[in-house]
Amino acid sequence: MPGLRNARWVGAGLADQFVVACANAGNTVAALLLLDRNRSGVMLQSLALIYVVMFLNRAFVGDVLLALASRYEGECRDRLVRNGLAAAVTFAAAAAVVLLVIWAVWPGNNLRDLVWIAPFLPVLLLQDTGRCSYLADRQPTKALVTDLVWVGTQAAAVVVMWLTGHASAPGLLVCWAIGAAAGLAVFLLRTGHRPWRGRPIRWLGETRHLSGWFTATAVIGQFQVLAVTFLVSGQLSSLALSGLRGAQTALLQPVQNFVTAVQGLVVPRASRLARDAARLPGVEGEQAGGSLRRLTWKLALAFTALAALMVAVMWPVATLVLVHIHKFKDIAPLALPVTLQAGIYVVQVPFTAALRAMHRARLLFVQYAVFTTASLTALVVGAHLHELKGAAWGLLLGAVVGLVVMIALYGYALRFLGQPEPERLAERQLVP
C-alpha cells in the first residue's frame, strides 16, 4: 500500500534524524552532566569549531547529494556518491591540519581539546556523507541502521568511561569518534563504496553551481555559530556560554535536527518536481510546478500549527523543569525566547527546502547573510542591555528577520520556476 510505504519512509527518516540528534546533543549533554560548568564551557568552544567543519562538509557534499544526486539513477548517481566521499576525505584532511595549527598557536587553554578530535575528522565527515547518500537515494531505513550503530557504540563507550571513573572532555570526544567509525564501517561494508575510488576534482567540476554557494552559505551560518560562542563568552562569561548552550541543546537543537530530517525527506522529492517543471514540455511541466507550490504551502501550514503547539507545550514545561534544578536555575528565563526561535525555524523549513530543490543557492546565501547580520547585531545589543537574557531575545529577533526574508526570496524564485535552469550545462557533465 503506497500510504503505508510513505508512512514508513517518513517514519524512518525522522527516526534517523532523532538518532543523529542523540549523538550530537549527547556531546553537549554529557559534558554538562559529567564535567563542571567551566570545564564544559571550555570543551564546547572546541566542539563548536568541529561542528563548523562538519556543517561546511555537509554543505559542500551532503546537501549537494540531496539536491542533485536525487535527480539521477544508477551509475550516474553512484559516481556522484564516490566523488562526494573522496571530496569529504580531502576536505577533512585539510580541515584537520588547520585545526591542529589553531590548537598549537591559540593563546590560553580554551581550545585545548582540538588536539583530541581533529585527527578523527575523516571518519566523522565520511560517516555523515554516507548518511546523506542514503537519503538522496530515498533509503532512510538504511541510514537509520548505520546511525544506530554509531550512537549505540558511542553511548556504550561513554558509559564504560563513566563507570570506570575516567570521565573527561578528551574522553567524550574520542567516544564520539569511535561511534562514528563503527557507523562508517557498516556503511562501507553494505555499499561497497571506497572513498579512494572517487575523484574530488571531478566533484568540484560537476557540482560547482551548488557546492560553491551552499558552502559559502554554510560559512556564514557557521560564522554566526562561532560568533555567538565567542561573543557570549567574551562579552559575558564561559558560565553564560554554557548556560546558553544548555538551553539551546535542550530546546533548540532537537528542533534543528527535526528541521534537518524534514529537509532530508522533502528536498529529494521537491528537487525532482523542480527538475520536471523545467524540463518537461507543456502541461506536464506546469503540473510539476504546481505540485511543488502545493507541497510547499501545505507543509508551511502544517508546520505553522506544529510550531504553535510546540511553543505552547515546551515553554511552560522547560521553565518548570529548569527552575527546580539548582545547577540550571539561572537559565530558566531563556526558555521562552529559545522556544520561540525554535518555532520560527520550523515554519521556515518548507521555504528553505523549496529553494534548495530549485537550486536557487545564491538566494539562500543572501538570506543567510541578512539573517546573520541581524542576529549578531541584536545579540550584542541585547547582551549589553540585559546580559544573557537580552542575548537570547536578540537571537530571536534575528530569526524573525530571517524568516521574513526567506519567504520573500521564495516568492521571488517562483517567478523562474519552469524556465530553463541556469545550471543545466554543468549537469550535462553527469550524463554518462
Protein backbone atom coordinates (compact mmCIF):
# COMPACT_ATOMS: atom_id res chain seq x y z
CA MET A 1 0.00 0.00 0.00
CA PRO A 2 1.50 3.37 -1.06
CA GLY A 3 0.23 5.18 2.05
CA LEU A 4 1.81 2.63 4.37
CA ARG A 5 5.10 2.71 2.45
CA ASN A 6 5.17 6.51 2.60
CA ALA A 7 4.46 6.43 6.34
CA ARG A 8 7.33 4.01 6.90
CA TRP A 9 9.62 6.14 4.73
CA VAL A 10 8.80 9.32 6.66
CA GLY A 11 8.98 7.49 9.98
CA ALA A 12 12.41 6.05 9.17
CA GLY A 13 13.69 9.48 8.11
CA LEU A 14 12.50 11.18 11.28
CA ALA A 15 13.78 8.32 13.44
CA ASP A 16 17.17 8.51 11.76
CA GLN A 17 17.49 12.21 12.47
CA PHE A 18 16.44 11.60 16.07
CA VAL A 19 19.27 9.12 16.41
CA VAL A 20 21.76 11.59 14.91
CA ALA A 21 20.45 14.27 17.25
CA CYS A 22 21.12 11.99 20.20
CA ALA A 23 24.71 11.54 19.08
CA ASN A 24 25.36 15.24 18.53
CA ALA A 25 23.41 16.52 21.52
CA GLY A 26 24.96 13.77 23.60
CA ASN A 27 28.32 15.52 23.37
CA THR A 28 26.94 18.68 24.96
CA VAL A 29 24.66 16.93 27.47
CA ALA A 30 27.40 14.56 28.61
CA ALA A 31 29.81 17.47 29.03
CA LEU A 32 27.28 19.40 31.13
CA LEU A 33 26.45 16.38 33.29
CA LEU A 34 29.88 14.80 33.74
CA LEU A 35 32.08 17.92 33.88
CA ASP A 36 31.86 21.09 35.91
CA ARG A 37 30.27 24.11 34.22
CA ASN A 38 33.53 25.96 33.47
CA ARG A 39 35.28 22.88 32.02
CA SER A 40 32.25 22.02 29.92
CA GLY A 41 32.20 25.60 28.62
CA VAL A 42 35.83 25.24 27.51
CA MET A 43 35.11 21.93 25.78
CA LEU A 44 32.10 23.40 23.99
CA GLN A 45 34.31 26.03 22.36
CA SER A 46 36.44 23.31 20.70
CA LEU A 47 33.31 21.36 19.87
CA ALA A 48 31.88 24.43 18.17
CA LEU A 49 34.85 24.51 15.78
CA ILE A 50 34.41 20.81 14.96
CA TYR A 51 30.73 21.37 14.23
CA VAL A 52 31.72 24.22 11.90
CA VAL A 53 33.86 21.81 9.89
CA MET A 54 31.10 19.19 9.85
CA PHE A 55 28.46 21.65 8.66
CA LEU A 56 30.77 23.02 5.97
CA ASN A 57 31.32 19.50 4.70
CA ARG A 58 27.57 18.89 4.84
CA ALA A 59 27.07 21.93 2.63
CA PHE A 60 29.94 21.09 0.29
CA VAL A 61 28.99 17.42 -0.16
CA GLY A 62 25.92 16.22 1.75
CA ASP A 63 23.45 18.93 0.78
CA VAL A 64 24.57 18.70 -2.84
CA LEU A 65 23.86 14.96 -2.85
CA LEU A 66 20.35 15.64 -1.53
CA ALA A 67 19.59 18.31 -4.13
CA LEU A 68 21.43 16.84 -7.13
CA ALA A 69 22.09 13.11 -6.78
CA SER A 70 18.38 12.61 -6.02
CA ARG A 71 17.64 13.61 -9.63
CA TYR A 72 19.60 10.68 -11.09
CA GLU A 73 19.66 6.90 -11.03
CA GLY A 74 22.18 4.09 -11.44
CA GLU A 75 25.81 4.71 -12.34
CA CYS A 76 25.34 8.46 -12.64
CA ARG A 77 24.25 8.72 -9.02
CA ASP A 78 26.86 6.19 -7.84
CA ARG A 79 29.61 8.24 -9.46
CA LEU A 80 28.39 11.34 -7.67
CA VAL A 81 28.49 9.47 -4.35
CA ARG A 82 32.02 8.13 -4.95
CA ASN A 83 33.31 11.56 -5.88
CA GLY A 84 31.50 13.06 -2.90
CA LEU A 85 33.15 10.63 -0.49
CA ALA A 86 36.56 11.46 -1.96
CA ALA A 87 35.83 15.17 -1.65
CA ALA A 88 34.82 14.68 2.01
CA VAL A 89 38.11 12.93 2.81
CA THR A 90 40.11 15.69 1.13
CA PHE A 91 38.15 18.37 2.97
CA ALA A 92 38.61 16.55 6.29
CA ALA A 93 42.38 16.23 5.87
CA ALA A 94 42.76 19.93 5.10
CA ALA A 95 40.48 20.93 7.99
CA ALA A 96 42.38 18.68 10.44
CA VAL A 97 45.66 20.44 9.59
CA VAL A 98 44.06 23.86 10.06
CA LEU A 99 42.55 22.91 13.44
CA LEU A 100 45.83 21.48 14.69
CA VAL A 101 47.58 24.71 13.75
CA ILE A 102 44.89 26.67 15.63
CA TRP A 103 45.39 24.41 18.64
CA ALA A 104 49.15 24.97 18.55
CA VAL A 105 49.07 28.77 18.31
CA TRP A 106 45.87 29.70 20.18
CA PRO A 107 46.67 31.65 23.37
CA GLY A 108 45.48 30.17 26.66
CA ASN A 109 43.74 26.81 27.03
CA ASN A 110 40.25 27.50 25.68
CA LEU A 111 40.84 25.33 22.58
CA ARG A 112 42.92 22.63 24.24
CA ASP A 113 40.51 19.86 23.23
CA LEU A 114 41.01 20.30 19.49
CA VAL A 115 44.02 18.01 19.51
CA TRP A 116 41.83 15.09 20.63
CA ILE A 117 39.26 15.27 17.84
CA ALA A 118 40.96 16.84 14.80
CA PRO A 119 42.68 13.55 13.75
CA PHE A 120 39.29 11.83 13.62
CA LEU A 121 37.72 14.32 11.19
CA PRO A 122 37.92 11.99 8.13
CA VAL A 123 35.86 9.38 9.98
CA LEU A 124 33.26 11.91 11.17
CA LEU A 125 32.82 13.52 7.74
CA LEU A 126 32.72 10.25 5.81
CA GLN A 127 30.06 8.85 8.12
CA ASP A 128 27.88 11.92 7.62
CA THR A 129 28.40 11.89 3.84
CA GLY A 130 27.41 8.23 3.65
CA ARG A 131 24.23 9.00 5.54
CA CYS A 132 23.36 11.79 3.08
CA SER A 133 23.93 9.43 0.16
CA TYR A 134 21.31 7.06 1.59
CA LEU A 135 18.82 9.94 1.98
CA ALA A 136 19.47 11.15 -1.58
CA ASP A 137 18.69 7.63 -2.76
CA ARG A 138 15.47 7.74 -0.68
CA GLN A 139 16.63 4.94 1.63
CA PRO A 140 16.28 6.42 5.14
CA THR A 141 15.92 2.96 6.67
CA LYS A 142 19.50 2.08 5.72
CA ALA A 143 20.69 5.41 7.07
CA LEU A 144 18.87 4.64 10.32
CA VAL A 145 20.62 1.28 10.74
CA THR A 146 24.04 2.85 10.17
CA ASP A 147 23.37 5.65 12.62
CA LEU A 148 22.03 3.27 15.28
CA VAL A 149 25.38 1.50 15.18
CA TRP A 150 27.10 4.88 15.57
CA VAL A 151 25.03 6.08 18.53
CA GLY A 152 24.97 2.70 20.25
CA THR A 153 28.75 2.39 20.08
CA GLN A 154 29.27 5.95 21.29
CA ALA A 155 26.86 5.55 24.19
CA ALA A 156 28.49 2.28 25.26
CA ALA A 157 31.93 3.90 25.22
CA VAL A 158 30.72 6.85 27.34
CA VAL A 159 29.10 4.51 29.88
CA VAL A 160 32.29 2.47 30.20
CA MET A 161 34.33 5.65 30.69
CA TRP A 162 31.92 6.90 33.35
CA LEU A 163 31.72 3.59 35.23
CA THR A 164 35.50 3.34 35.37
CA GLY A 165 35.75 6.87 36.76
CA HIS A 166 37.67 8.30 33.82
CA ALA A 167 35.13 10.85 32.55
CA SER A 168 36.92 13.73 30.84
CA ALA A 169 36.49 16.13 27.94
CA PRO A 170 39.07 14.32 25.74
CA GLY A 171 37.42 11.00 26.57
CA LEU A 172 33.99 12.25 25.49
CA LEU A 173 35.37 13.43 22.15
CA VAL A 174 37.18 10.15 21.50
CA CYS A 175 33.98 8.21 22.31
CA TRP A 176 32.19 10.30 19.66
CA ALA A 177 34.84 9.39 17.09
CA ILE A 178 34.69 5.68 18.00
CA GLY A 179 30.94 5.65 17.41
CA ALA A 180 31.27 7.39 14.04
CA ALA A 181 33.96 4.89 12.99
CA ALA A 182 31.62 1.99 13.73
CA GLY A 183 28.81 3.56 11.71
CA LEU A 184 31.15 4.30 8.80
CA ALA A 185 32.38 0.71 8.76
CA VAL A 186 28.82 -0.54 8.39
CA PHE A 187 28.13 1.91 5.54
CA LEU A 188 31.27 0.94 3.60
CA LEU A 189 30.63 -2.78 4.03
CA ARG A 190 26.99 -2.54 2.91
CA THR A 191 27.53 -0.29 -0.11
CA GLY A 192 30.95 -1.36 -1.33
CA HIS A 193 31.89 2.31 -1.84
CA ARG A 194 35.55 3.16 -1.38
CA PRO A 195 36.49 6.83 -0.95
CA TRP A 196 39.82 6.40 -2.76
CA ARG A 197 37.98 5.42 -5.93
CA GLY A 198 36.37 8.83 -6.24
CA ARG A 199 37.81 12.00 -7.77
CA PRO A 200 37.46 15.17 -5.69
CA ILE A 201 38.48 17.36 -8.63
CA ARG A 202 35.65 15.94 -10.71
CA TRP A 203 33.28 16.62 -7.82
CA LEU A 204 34.22 20.29 -8.00
CA GLY A 205 33.62 20.40 -11.73
CA GLU A 206 30.27 18.61 -11.66
CA THR A 207 28.73 20.34 -8.65
CA ARG A 208 30.29 23.81 -8.51
CA HIS A 209 26.97 25.51 -9.32
CA LEU A 210 25.63 24.18 -5.99
CA SER A 211 28.58 23.27 -3.79
CA GLY A 212 30.15 26.70 -4.04
CA TRP A 213 27.05 28.62 -2.95
CA PHE A 214 25.98 26.01 -0.40
CA THR A 215 29.45 26.17 1.16
CA ALA A 216 29.50 29.97 1.14
CA THR A 217 26.11 29.93 2.85
CA ALA A 218 27.37 27.45 5.43
CA VAL A 219 30.43 29.61 6.06
CA ILE A 220 28.15 32.48 7.01
CA GLY A 221 25.90 30.22 9.07
CA GLN A 222 28.78 28.69 10.99
CA PHE A 223 30.45 32.06 11.38
CA GLN A 224 27.29 33.04 13.21
CA VAL A 225 27.56 29.99 15.49
CA LEU A 226 31.19 30.76 16.28
CA ALA A 227 30.48 34.46 16.71
CA VAL A 228 27.70 33.70 19.19
CA THR A 229 30.05 31.37 21.09
CA PHE A 230 32.88 33.88 21.40
CA LEU A 231 30.70 36.97 21.79
CA VAL A 232 28.81 35.44 24.69
CA SER A 233 31.94 34.06 26.37
CA GLY A 234 33.84 37.30 25.75
CA GLN A 235 31.14 39.87 26.46
CA LEU A 236 29.63 37.86 29.33
CA SER A 237 31.46 34.70 30.57
CA SER A 238 32.13 31.00 29.99
CA LEU A 239 29.41 30.34 32.56
CA ALA A 240 26.93 32.32 30.47
CA LEU A 241 28.01 30.41 27.36
CA SER A 242 27.41 27.04 28.97
CA GLY A 243 24.00 28.29 30.14
CA LEU A 244 23.01 29.48 26.65
CA ARG A 245 24.28 26.29 25.03
CA GLY A 246 22.46 24.23 27.63
CA ALA A 247 19.16 25.94 26.85
CA GLN A 248 19.76 25.63 23.12
CA THR A 249 20.70 21.97 23.41
CA ALA A 250 17.53 21.17 25.34
CA LEU A 251 15.07 23.33 23.36
CA LEU A 252 16.57 24.42 20.04
CA GLN A 253 18.86 21.64 18.92
CA PRO A 254 16.16 18.93 18.83
CA VAL A 255 14.08 21.21 16.61
CA GLN A 256 17.06 21.95 14.37
CA ASN A 257 17.58 18.22 13.99
CA PHE A 258 13.91 17.81 13.12
CA VAL A 259 14.37 20.53 10.50
CA THR A 260 17.34 18.68 9.04
CA ALA A 261 15.34 15.45 8.96
CA VAL A 262 12.44 17.07 7.11
CA GLN A 263 14.78 18.65 4.59
CA GLY A 264 16.42 15.28 4.00
CA LEU A 265 13.00 13.89 3.13
CA VAL A 266 11.49 16.86 1.28
CA VAL A 267 14.40 18.15 -0.80
CA PRO A 268 14.88 14.99 -2.95
CA ARG A 269 11.13 14.90 -3.76
CA ALA A 270 10.90 18.64 -4.37
CA SER A 271 14.08 18.60 -6.46
CA ARG A 272 12.54 16.12 -8.87
CA LEU A 273 9.44 18.29 -9.17
CA ALA A 274 11.59 21.36 -9.90
CA ARG A 275 13.52 19.35 -12.49
CA ASP A 276 10.32 18.22 -14.19
CA ALA A 277 8.89 21.76 -14.13
CA ALA A 278 11.95 22.98 -16.04
CA ARG A 279 12.37 20.07 -18.45
CA LEU A 280 9.00 18.51 -19.21
CA PRO A 281 7.05 20.11 -22.06
CA GLY A 282 3.74 21.94 -21.78
CA VAL A 283 1.12 20.74 -19.34
CA GLU A 284 3.37 18.15 -17.67
CA GLY A 285 5.89 20.81 -16.70
CA GLU A 286 3.15 23.11 -15.39
CA GLN A 287 1.69 20.29 -13.31
CA ALA A 288 5.08 19.58 -11.76
CA GLY A 289 5.50 23.26 -10.88
CA GLY A 290 2.02 23.35 -9.36
CA SER A 291 2.80 20.25 -7.31
CA LEU A 292 5.91 21.91 -5.91
CA ARG A 293 3.94 25.03 -4.92
CA ARG A 294 1.22 22.97 -3.25
CA LEU A 295 3.75 20.83 -1.41
CA THR A 296 5.48 23.92 -0.05
CA TRP A 297 2.34 25.65 1.20
CA LYS A 298 0.78 22.50 2.67
CA LEU A 299 3.96 21.95 4.65
CA ALA A 300 4.07 25.64 5.64
CA LEU A 301 0.55 25.50 7.08
CA ALA A 302 1.17 22.20 8.85
CA PHE A 303 4.46 23.39 10.33
CA THR A 304 3.00 26.69 11.49
CA ALA A 305 0.41 24.76 13.50
CA LEU A 306 3.14 22.44 14.77
CA ALA A 307 5.28 25.42 15.83
CA ALA A 308 2.39 26.98 17.78
CA LEU A 309 1.72 23.70 19.58
CA MET A 310 5.41 23.21 20.27
CA VAL A 311 5.79 26.65 21.91
CA ALA A 312 2.61 26.16 23.95
CA VAL A 313 3.97 22.90 25.39
CA MET A 314 7.75 23.33 25.52
CA TRP A 315 7.90 26.76 27.11
CA PRO A 316 5.99 26.06 30.35
CA VAL A 317 7.43 22.55 30.71
CA ALA A 318 11.02 23.73 30.23
CA THR A 319 10.55 26.62 32.65
CA LEU A 320 9.04 24.32 35.29
CA VAL A 321 11.87 21.79 34.97
CA LEU A 322 14.73 24.29 34.93
CA VAL A 323 13.61 26.24 37.98
CA HIS A 324 13.68 23.02 40.03
CA ILE A 325 17.24 22.09 39.02
CA HIS A 326 19.64 24.21 41.03
CA LYS A 327 22.51 23.81 38.53
CA PHE A 328 20.39 25.23 35.68
CA LYS A 329 18.01 27.53 37.55
CA ASP A 330 19.70 30.63 36.12
CA ILE A 331 18.82 29.71 32.52
CA ALA A 332 15.07 29.25 33.11
CA PRO A 333 14.31 32.78 31.74
CA LEU A 334 15.81 31.70 28.41
CA ALA A 335 13.08 29.12 27.83
CA LEU A 336 10.62 31.49 26.12
CA PRO A 337 12.93 33.22 23.59
CA VAL A 338 14.74 29.99 22.72
CA THR A 339 11.45 28.10 22.24
CA LEU A 340 10.04 30.88 20.04
CA GLN A 341 13.22 30.81 17.98
CA ALA A 342 12.79 27.06 17.52
CA GLY A 343 9.20 27.61 16.33
CA ILE A 344 10.35 30.12 13.72
CA TYR A 345 12.88 27.63 12.38
CA VAL A 346 10.09 25.05 11.98
CA VAL A 347 7.91 27.47 9.99
CA GLN A 348 10.86 28.28 7.72
CA VAL A 349 11.56 24.66 6.71
CA PRO A 350 9.32 24.34 3.61
CA PHE A 351 10.63 27.55 2.04
CA THR A 352 14.26 26.60 2.61
CA ALA A 353 13.64 23.13 1.15
CA ALA A 354 11.95 24.62 -1.91
CA LEU A 355 14.85 26.98 -2.63
CA ARG A 356 17.31 24.09 -2.31
CA ALA A 357 15.18 21.95 -4.59
CA MET A 358 15.00 24.72 -7.21
CA HIS A 359 18.81 25.06 -6.98
CA ARG A 360 18.49 28.73 -6.02
CA ALA A 361 21.64 28.53 -3.94
CA ARG A 362 22.51 32.21 -4.38
CA LEU A 363 19.21 33.26 -2.83
CA LEU A 364 19.92 31.06 0.18
CA PHE A 365 23.26 32.82 0.52
CA VAL A 366 21.54 36.21 0.54
CA GLN A 367 19.07 35.06 3.20
CA TYR A 368 21.80 33.75 5.50
CA ALA A 369 23.80 36.95 5.11
CA VAL A 370 20.84 39.07 6.20
CA PHE A 371 19.88 36.65 8.97
CA THR A 372 23.41 36.51 10.40
CA THR A 373 23.85 40.28 10.34
CA ALA A 374 20.54 40.83 12.12
CA SER A 375 21.18 38.07 14.70
CA LEU A 376 24.66 39.18 15.72
CA THR A 377 23.69 42.84 15.89
CA ALA A 378 20.67 42.08 18.07
CA LEU A 379 22.76 39.70 20.21
CA VAL A 380 25.35 42.36 21.02
CA VAL A 381 22.73 44.99 21.79
CA GLY A 382 20.65 42.59 23.87
CA ALA A 383 23.64 41.34 25.85
CA HIS A 384 24.68 44.92 26.57
CA LEU A 385 21.21 45.86 27.82
CA HIS A 386 20.07 42.70 29.64
CA GLU A 387 23.06 40.32 29.67
CA LEU A 388 22.29 36.65 28.86
CA LYS A 389 18.50 37.08 28.70
CA GLY A 390 18.90 40.03 26.33
CA ALA A 391 21.27 38.00 24.15
CA ALA A 392 18.64 35.23 23.81
CA TRP A 393 15.94 37.73 22.80
CA GLY A 394 18.36 39.28 20.31
CA LEU A 395 18.85 35.90 18.63
CA LEU A 396 15.07 35.54 18.42
CA LEU A 397 14.80 38.89 16.64
CA GLY A 398 17.39 37.75 14.11
CA ALA A 399 15.36 34.59 13.46
CA VAL A 400 12.24 36.66 12.76
CA VAL A 401 14.13 38.75 10.21
CA GLY A 402 15.49 35.58 8.61
CA LEU A 403 12.01 34.08 8.22
CA VAL A 404 10.59 37.19 6.55
CA VAL A 405 13.50 37.35 4.11
CA MET A 406 13.26 33.60 3.34
CA ILE A 407 9.55 33.82 2.43
CA ALA A 408 10.18 36.87 0.24
CA LEU A 409 13.02 35.11 -1.62
CA TYR A 410 10.88 32.01 -2.12
CA GLY A 411 8.20 34.16 -3.77
CA TYR A 412 10.86 35.72 -5.99
CA ALA A 413 12.23 32.30 -7.01
CA LEU A 414 8.78 31.09 -8.07
CA ARG A 415 8.86 33.65 -10.88
CA PHE A 416 11.51 31.50 -12.56
CA LEU A 417 10.03 28.07 -11.83
CA GLY A 418 9.55 26.20 -15.10
CA GLN A 419 12.14 28.21 -17.01
CA PRO A 420 15.34 26.52 -18.25
CA GLU A 421 17.73 26.03 -15.36
CA PRO A 422 20.94 28.06 -15.48
CA GLU A 423 22.90 25.06 -14.16
CA ARG A 424 21.80 22.77 -16.99
CA LEU A 425 25.16 22.93 -18.75
CA ALA A 426 27.02 21.83 -15.61
CA GLU A 427 24.59 18.95 -15.03
CA ARG A 428 25.13 17.61 -18.57
CA GLN A 429 28.57 16.53 -17.40
CA LEU A 430 26.87 13.97 -15.17
CA VAL A 431 25.30 12.07 -18.03
CA PRO A 432 27.49 9.05 -18.92
